[in-house]
Amino acid sequence: MYYLLKTRIIYTRHCLRRIKERRVSISDIQEAIEHPVQLVYDTWNEVYIAVSIKGIAIVYAFHGNYIEVLTVLGKREYEALASKYGRSRYKVIY
């Protein structure tokens, strides 16, 4: 995903709180966005979810020339959402 390397990433206040709560580093977030082990599209909110090798899920949206990171989910939170709504909401890209 070379095109993401030159894209500016911004973080919402909500996301910054979750980063602190969940003890996730900015480099973990960048790694997940640039090299996800799974990429999912949330059709309800029109956002992407990148799942990292460490099991964290990064919820983000594209806005022209930047990416806005909305929140960070732990592995259990993401799995609970995925099992609750499944394919009716989430489309696995890879």
Protein backbone atom coordinates (compact mmCIF):
# COMPACT_ATOMS: atom_id res chain seq x y z
CA MET A 1 0.00 0.00 0.00
CA TYR A 2 2.62 2.47 -1.11
CA TYR A 3 0.10 5.29 -1.63
CA LEU A 4 -0.63 5.36 2.12
CA LEU A 5 2.97 6.10 3.00
CA LYS A 6 2.66 9.65 1.67
CA THR A 7 -0.80 10.26 3.07
CA ARG A 8 -1.15 12.42 6.16
CA ILE A 9 -2.82 10.72 9.13
CA ILE A 10 -4.83 12.68 11.67
CA TYR A 11 -6.42 11.40 14.89
CA THR A 12 -9.74 12.38 16.44
CA ARG A 13 -9.91 13.30 20.13
CA HIS A 14 -11.90 10.13 20.72
CA CYS A 15 -9.16 8.10 19.06
CA LEU A 16 -6.43 9.72 21.15
CA ARG A 17 -8.32 8.78 24.31
CA ARG A 18 -8.67 5.19 23.13
CA ILE A 19 -4.98 5.02 22.20
CA LYS A 20 -4.10 6.00 25.74
CA GLU A 21 -6.66 3.63 27.33
CA ARG A 22 -5.61 0.67 25.23
CA ARG A 23 -1.89 1.44 25.33
CA VAL A 24 -1.48 1.42 21.58
CA SER A 25 1.36 3.31 19.94
CA ILE A 26 1.12 5.58 16.91
CA SER A 27 3.57 3.28 15.13
CA ASP A 28 1.20 0.33 15.80
CA ILE A 29 -1.59 2.31 14.14
CA GLN A 30 0.51 3.27 11.14
CA GLU A 31 1.68 -0.32 10.76
CA ALA A 32 -1.92 -1.60 10.83
CA ILE A 33 -3.06 0.90 8.20
CA GLU A 34 -0.09 0.33 5.92
CA HIS A 35 0.14 -3.47 6.33
CA PRO A 36 -3.13 -4.91 7.66
CA VAL A 37 -3.58 -8.64 8.06
CA GLN A 38 -7.26 -8.06 7.37
CA LEU A 39 -9.03 -5.07 5.81
CA VAL A 40 -12.77 -4.64 6.28
CA TYR A 41 -15.23 -2.08 4.96
CA ASP A 42 -18.04 -0.99 7.32
CA THR A 43 -20.96 -0.33 4.98
CA TRP A 44 -23.07 1.39 7.65
CA ASN A 45 -20.52 4.06 8.53
CA GLU A 46 -18.53 4.03 5.28
CA VAL A 47 -15.20 3.54 7.05
CA TYR A 48 -12.41 1.00 6.88
CA ILE A 49 -11.15 -1.26 9.63
CA ALA A 50 -7.55 -2.42 9.44
CA VAL A 51 -6.69 -5.31 11.71
CA SER A 52 -3.04 -5.55 12.70
CA ILE A 53 -0.90 -8.57 13.34
CA LYS A 54 -1.10 -7.62 17.04
CA GLY A 55 -4.90 -7.95 16.91
CA ILE A 56 -5.82 -4.29 17.21
CA ALA A 57 -8.42 -2.87 14.86
CA ILE A 58 -8.03 0.66 13.51
CA VAL A 59 -11.19 2.39 12.28
CA TYR A 60 -10.42 5.10 9.73
CA ALA A 61 -11.82 7.08 6.81
CA PHE A 62 -10.29 8.65 3.72
CA HIS A 63 -10.85 12.38 3.28
CA GLY A 64 -9.19 13.54 0.10
CA ASN A 65 -5.50 13.91 0.88
CA TYR A 66 -5.57 12.61 4.45
CA ILE A 67 -6.72 9.67 6.58
CA GLU A 68 -8.74 10.32 9.72
CA VAL A 69 -8.33 7.66 12.39
CA LEU A 70 -11.61 7.53 14.29
CA THR A 71 -10.94 4.93 16.97
CA VAL A 72 -8.90 1.94 18.02
CA LEU A 73 -10.57 -1.31 19.02
CA GLY A 74 -9.14 -4.20 20.95
CA LYS A 75 -9.29 -7.68 19.49
CA ARG A 76 -12.30 -8.74 21.61
CA GLU A 77 -14.27 -5.59 20.78
CA TYR A 78 -13.70 -6.02 17.07
CA GLU A 79 -14.57 -9.72 17.14
CA ALA A 80 -17.76 -8.99 19.11
CA LEU A 81 -18.88 -6.43 16.50
CA ALA A 82 -17.99 -8.71 13.62
CA SER A 83 -19.92 -11.63 15.09
CA LYS A 84 -22.93 -9.47 16.00
CA TYR A 85 -23.39 -7.79 12.61
CA GLY A 86 -21.41 -10.04 10.30
CA ARG A 87 -21.79 -9.74 6.56
CA SER A 88 -24.84 -7.51 6.77
CA ARG A 89 -22.56 -4.67 7.85
CA TYR A 90 -18.93 -5.65 7.24
CA LYS A 91 -17.41 -6.55 3.88
CA VAL A 92 -14.01 -8.21 4.07
CA ILE A 93 -11.74 -6.76 1.39
CA TYR A 94 -8.90 -9.14 2.29
